[in-house]
Amino acid sequence: MVTTADAEGVRTITLNRPDSYNALNVALKERLLAELRAAEADQQVGAIVLTGAGTAFCAGQDLKEHVSLLLADDPAPLRTVGEHYNPIATAIASMPKPIIAAVNGPAAGAGAAFAYAADLRIAATSSNFLMAFANVGLGPDSGASWTLQRLIGYGRALELMLLARKVPAEEALRIGLVSEVVPDGEATNRAQQLAARLAAGPTVAYRKIKESLSGAAESTFGEALATEEAAQTELGRTADHREAVEAFVAKREPTFTGQ
């Protein structure tokens, strides 16, 4: 359901149901959440890449599984939102380490939302993004209502959700939905290159950068200033900051330790 591989301080987490375009059934969701939490806890992991096996990133909810619940008159067929999607989206969005989505193919529904929650998105040329919740009489989940409009603006996010319009990779780049578009077959490698660079960097500073930006989205200007001041005070005492300054003075490349 989910595979992992480690290299150069980077853990690559791969959704692995290629025959179903990595559609999210309960088993995959539970394993994905466990792997995200394991990557966060592992001190040897400095950055994470999330991708999909085969020709798709993630098709979203496994509708066959969902239909079976409806046909069985399950009283809460969408309890998976609270049980699985919310915790997964939270694990991605609040990950203290850099996390990059390597969107190797179509990303739809919750699958697209997981990519939106990542820090960076590298998209293959043939990839696309689709918010098709309205087509099945549902609203967004997995944090898409929060993340998408912060990436591309309220008006465009609302348009994509109301019209359920597919966004190809080049348009996604133009509107700021993805960070970079690369040829098919290269998204994961490019994401791993960036992740390795980040994993070798000042990871404590990266965590504080993420915390500062996330907090500022919900704070006043004064509160943002106070958060920045507190972060700078803490980071100014780190070994990585001292190393960077000493390296600058000595005109050499710094060696960061995440301390």
Protein backbone atom coordinates (compact mmCIF):
# COMPACT_ATOMS: atom_id res chain seq x y z
CA MET A 1 0.00 0.00 0.00
CA VAL A 2 2.82 2.41 0.91
CA THR A 3 6.55 1.96 0.41
CA THR A 4 9.45 3.96 1.79
CA ALA A 5 13.09 4.45 0.84
CA ASP A 6 15.86 6.47 2.51
CA ALA A 7 18.80 8.21 0.85
CA GLU A 8 20.87 11.29 1.72
CA GLY A 9 18.72 12.13 4.71
CA VAL A 10 15.55 12.00 2.58
CA ARG A 11 12.68 9.58 3.11
CA THR A 12 10.59 8.98 0.01
CA ILE A 13 7.08 7.83 0.82
CA THR A 14 5.29 6.28 -2.16
CA LEU A 15 1.57 5.59 -2.40
CA ASN A 16 1.60 2.14 -3.93
CA ARG A 17 -1.71 1.08 -5.47
CA PRO A 18 -0.81 1.80 -9.10
CA ASP A 19 -3.60 -0.35 -10.56
CA SER A 20 -6.15 1.95 -8.92
CA TYR A 21 -4.17 5.16 -9.51
CA ASN A 22 -3.23 5.09 -5.82
CA ALA A 23 -6.83 5.61 -4.73
CA LEU A 24 -7.14 5.98 -0.99
CA ASN A 25 -8.71 3.02 0.78
CA VAL A 26 -8.64 2.60 4.56
CA ALA A 27 -5.56 0.40 4.56
CA LEU A 28 -3.55 2.88 2.51
CA LYS A 29 -4.68 5.85 4.61
CA GLU A 30 -3.76 4.15 7.86
CA ARG A 31 -0.34 3.14 6.53
CA LEU A 32 0.32 6.60 5.09
CA LEU A 33 -0.43 8.28 8.41
CA ALA A 34 1.83 5.84 10.22
CA GLU A 35 4.68 6.46 7.76
CA LEU A 36 4.34 10.24 8.02
CA ARG A 37 4.51 10.06 11.80
CA ALA A 38 7.48 7.69 11.64
CA ALA A 39 9.33 10.06 9.30
CA GLU A 40 8.68 12.97 11.65
CA ALA A 41 10.03 11.03 14.62
CA ASP A 42 13.12 9.65 12.87
CA GLN A 43 16.07 11.93 13.59
CA GLN A 44 17.94 10.54 10.59
CA VAL A 45 15.28 11.94 8.26
CA GLY A 46 15.87 15.57 7.34
CA ALA A 47 13.30 15.94 4.57
CA ILE A 48 10.47 13.97 2.99
CA VAL A 49 9.24 13.32 -0.54
CA LEU A 50 5.65 12.14 -1.08
CA THR A 51 4.83 10.60 -4.45
CA GLY A 52 2.76 7.94 -6.18
CA ALA A 53 3.61 4.69 -7.93
CA GLY A 54 2.84 4.19 -11.60
CA THR A 55 1.21 6.87 -13.73
CA ALA A 56 -0.74 8.77 -11.06
CA PHE A 57 0.03 10.69 -7.90
CA CYS A 58 -3.29 9.92 -6.21
CA ALA A 59 -6.86 9.62 -7.52
CA GLY A 60 -8.37 10.54 -4.15
CA GLN A 61 -10.90 8.48 -2.26
CA ASP A 62 -11.39 4.88 -3.38
CA LEU A 63 -14.98 5.25 -4.59
CA LYS A 64 -15.54 1.50 -4.73
CA GLU A 65 -14.95 1.31 -1.01
CA HIS A 66 -17.12 4.36 -0.43
CA VAL A 67 -19.99 2.99 -2.54
CA SER A 68 -19.94 -0.24 -0.57
CA LEU A 69 -20.56 1.77 2.62
CA LEU A 70 -23.46 3.64 1.00
CA LEU A 71 -25.05 0.43 -0.27
CA ALA A 72 -24.72 -1.07 3.19
CA ASP A 73 -26.57 1.96 4.61
CA ASP A 74 -23.61 2.80 6.80
CA PRO A 75 -24.80 5.55 9.19
CA ALA A 76 -21.55 7.50 8.77
CA PRO A 77 -20.07 6.72 5.34
CA LEU A 78 -17.80 9.77 5.50
CA ARG A 79 -16.34 9.22 8.97
CA THR A 80 -13.04 8.66 7.15
CA VAL A 81 -12.72 12.45 6.98
CA GLY A 82 -12.26 12.70 10.72
CA GLU A 83 -10.56 9.35 11.17
CA HIS A 84 -8.07 9.51 8.30
CA TYR A 85 -8.06 12.57 6.06
CA ASN A 86 -7.83 15.20 8.78
CA PRO A 87 -4.95 13.49 10.60
CA ILE A 88 -3.05 12.90 7.34
CA ALA A 89 -3.49 16.49 6.15
CA THR A 90 -2.42 17.73 9.58
CA ALA A 91 0.64 15.49 9.57
CA ILE A 92 1.71 16.89 6.20
CA ALA A 93 0.91 20.55 6.85
CA SER A 94 2.44 20.60 10.33
CA MET A 95 5.47 18.47 9.47
CA PRO A 96 8.46 20.18 11.14
CA LYS A 97 10.70 18.93 8.35
CA PRO A 98 10.51 20.05 4.71
CA ILE A 99 8.10 17.87 2.73
CA ILE A 100 7.89 17.93 -1.06
CA ALA A 101 5.10 16.43 -3.18
CA ALA A 102 6.44 14.85 -6.36
CA VAL A 103 3.27 14.94 -8.45
CA ASN A 104 4.12 12.33 -11.07
CA GLY A 105 0.63 12.19 -12.62
CA PRO A 106 -3.00 13.12 -11.96
CA ALA A 107 -3.84 14.31 -8.45
CA ALA A 108 -7.51 14.51 -7.52
CA GLY A 109 -9.64 15.14 -4.45
CA ALA A 110 -7.88 14.29 -1.22
CA GLY A 111 -4.82 13.28 -3.24
CA ALA A 112 -4.53 16.79 -4.63
CA ALA A 113 -5.20 18.21 -1.17
CA PHE A 114 -2.26 16.25 0.24
CA ALA A 115 -0.04 17.86 -2.40
CA TYR A 116 -1.40 21.31 -1.52
CA ALA A 117 -0.50 20.71 2.13
CA ALA A 118 3.14 20.00 1.28
CA ASP A 119 5.80 22.71 1.33
CA LEU A 120 6.75 22.41 -2.35
CA ARG A 121 5.16 20.69 -5.33
CA ILE A 122 7.17 19.36 -8.28
CA ALA A 123 4.85 18.39 -11.14
CA ALA A 124 5.44 16.18 -14.15
CA THR A 125 4.42 17.61 -17.52
CA SER A 126 1.44 15.27 -17.88
CA SER A 127 0.20 15.76 -14.32
CA ASN A 128 -2.94 17.66 -13.43
CA PHE A 129 -4.96 18.70 -10.41
CA LEU A 130 -8.68 18.20 -9.95
CA MET A 131 -11.07 19.28 -7.21
CA ALA A 132 -14.11 17.23 -8.24
CA PHE A 133 -15.93 17.15 -4.90
CA ALA A 134 -18.91 19.10 -6.28
CA ASN A 135 -19.41 16.50 -9.02
CA VAL A 136 -20.33 13.93 -6.37
CA GLY A 137 -22.34 16.32 -4.22
CA LEU A 138 -19.65 16.90 -1.62
CA GLY A 139 -17.50 19.75 -0.34
CA PRO A 140 -13.73 19.87 0.03
CA ASP A 141 -11.83 17.94 2.65
CA SER A 142 -8.24 17.17 3.68
CA GLY A 143 -7.60 20.87 4.24
CA ALA A 144 -8.13 21.91 0.62
CA SER A 145 -10.44 24.77 1.62
CA TRP A 146 -7.54 26.23 3.63
CA THR A 147 -4.48 25.36 1.55
CA LEU A 148 -5.70 25.93 -2.00
CA GLN A 149 -6.84 29.51 -1.57
CA ARG A 150 -3.57 30.36 0.16
CA LEU A 151 -1.68 29.05 -2.83
CA ILE A 152 -3.71 30.61 -5.64
CA GLY A 153 -6.21 33.04 -4.06
CA TYR A 154 -9.83 32.79 -2.98
CA GLY A 155 -11.46 33.56 -6.33
CA ARG A 156 -9.50 31.05 -8.37
CA ALA A 157 -9.81 28.36 -5.68
CA LEU A 158 -13.57 28.84 -5.59
CA GLU A 159 -13.74 28.59 -9.38
CA LEU A 160 -11.80 25.32 -9.44
CA MET A 161 -14.01 23.81 -6.75
CA LEU A 162 -17.36 24.97 -8.14
CA LEU A 163 -16.59 24.04 -11.74
CA ALA A 164 -14.48 20.98 -10.90
CA ARG A 165 -12.09 22.09 -13.62
CA LYS A 166 -8.93 20.10 -14.24
CA VAL A 167 -5.73 22.16 -14.02
CA PRO A 168 -2.85 20.93 -16.22
CA ALA A 169 0.73 21.22 -15.03
CA GLU A 170 1.69 24.31 -17.04
CA GLU A 171 -1.34 26.24 -15.81
CA ALA A 172 -0.61 25.05 -12.27
CA LEU A 173 2.86 26.57 -12.58
CA ARG A 174 1.52 29.84 -13.98
CA ILE A 175 -0.99 30.35 -11.17
CA GLY A 176 1.44 29.38 -8.41
CA LEU A 177 -0.03 26.00 -7.57
CA VAL A 178 3.26 24.17 -8.17
CA SER A 179 6.88 25.18 -7.73
CA GLU A 180 8.30 23.57 -10.86
CA VAL A 181 7.29 21.47 -13.87
CA VAL A 182 9.66 18.79 -15.12
CA PRO A 183 9.48 16.17 -17.90
CA ASP A 184 7.48 13.02 -17.23
CA GLY A 185 9.44 10.50 -15.21
CA GLU A 186 11.61 13.13 -13.51
CA ALA A 187 9.33 14.54 -10.79
CA THR A 188 10.46 12.19 -8.04
CA ASN A 189 14.16 12.56 -8.87
CA ARG A 190 13.89 16.35 -8.90
CA ALA A 191 11.97 16.36 -5.63
CA GLN A 192 14.60 14.10 -4.08
CA GLN A 193 17.37 16.44 -5.23
CA LEU A 194 15.66 19.40 -3.58
CA ALA A 195 14.88 17.37 -0.48
CA ALA A 196 18.51 16.25 -0.16
CA ARG A 197 19.60 19.89 -0.36
CA LEU A 198 17.15 20.80 2.38
CA ALA A 199 18.07 17.80 4.53
CA ALA A 200 21.69 18.98 4.50
CA GLY A 201 20.68 22.52 5.45
CA PRO A 202 19.82 24.28 8.72
CA THR A 203 16.80 22.16 9.55
CA VAL A 204 16.07 23.95 12.82
CA ALA A 205 15.75 27.20 10.86
CA TYR A 206 13.48 25.51 8.32
CA ARG A 207 11.17 24.42 11.12
CA LYS A 208 11.00 27.95 12.48
CA ILE A 209 10.40 29.38 9.00
CA LYS A 210 7.45 27.05 8.55
CA GLU A 211 6.07 27.85 11.98
CA SER A 212 6.43 31.59 11.41
CA LEU A 213 4.64 31.59 8.06
CA SER A 214 1.87 29.32 9.27
CA GLY A 215 1.28 31.43 12.34
CA ALA A 216 1.42 34.70 10.42
CA ALA A 217 -1.47 33.54 8.21
CA GLU A 218 -3.73 33.71 11.25
CA SER A 219 -2.17 36.58 13.20
CA THR A 220 -1.94 40.36 13.27
CA PHE A 221 1.17 42.13 12.02
CA GLY A 222 2.25 42.76 15.59
CA GLU A 223 1.82 39.12 16.51
CA ALA A 224 3.85 38.10 13.48
CA LEU A 225 6.65 40.45 14.55
CA ALA A 226 6.66 38.92 18.02
CA THR A 227 6.80 35.41 16.57
CA GLU A 228 9.69 36.37 14.32
CA GLU A 229 11.56 37.93 17.24
CA ALA A 230 11.14 34.83 19.38
CA ALA A 231 12.30 32.59 16.54
CA GLN A 232 15.35 34.75 15.81
CA THR A 233 16.27 34.79 19.48
CA GLU A 234 16.15 31.00 19.60
CA LEU A 235 17.89 30.47 16.27
CA GLY A 236 20.63 32.94 17.14
CA ARG A 237 21.80 30.52 19.81
CA THR A 238 21.98 27.47 17.51
CA ALA A 239 25.15 25.78 16.37
CA ASP A 240 23.95 26.03 12.77
CA HIS A 241 23.78 29.84 12.98
CA ARG A 242 27.27 30.06 14.47
CA GLU A 243 28.58 27.66 11.83
CA ALA A 244 27.02 29.68 9.02
CA VAL A 245 28.53 32.94 10.26
CA GLU A 246 31.96 31.39 10.79
CA ALA A 247 31.82 29.85 7.33
CA PHE A 248 30.88 33.20 5.81
CA VAL A 249 33.82 34.92 7.48
CA ALA A 250 36.18 32.12 6.43
CA LYS A 251 34.76 32.12 2.89
CA ARG A 252 33.89 28.43 2.97
CA GLU A 253 30.74 26.38 2.67
CA PRO A 254 28.96 25.75 6.02
CA THR A 255 28.35 22.28 7.36
CA PHE A 256 25.01 22.15 9.14
CA THR A 257 24.10 19.62 11.81
CA GLY A 258 20.49 20.56 12.57
CA GLN A 259 21.51 21.76 16.03
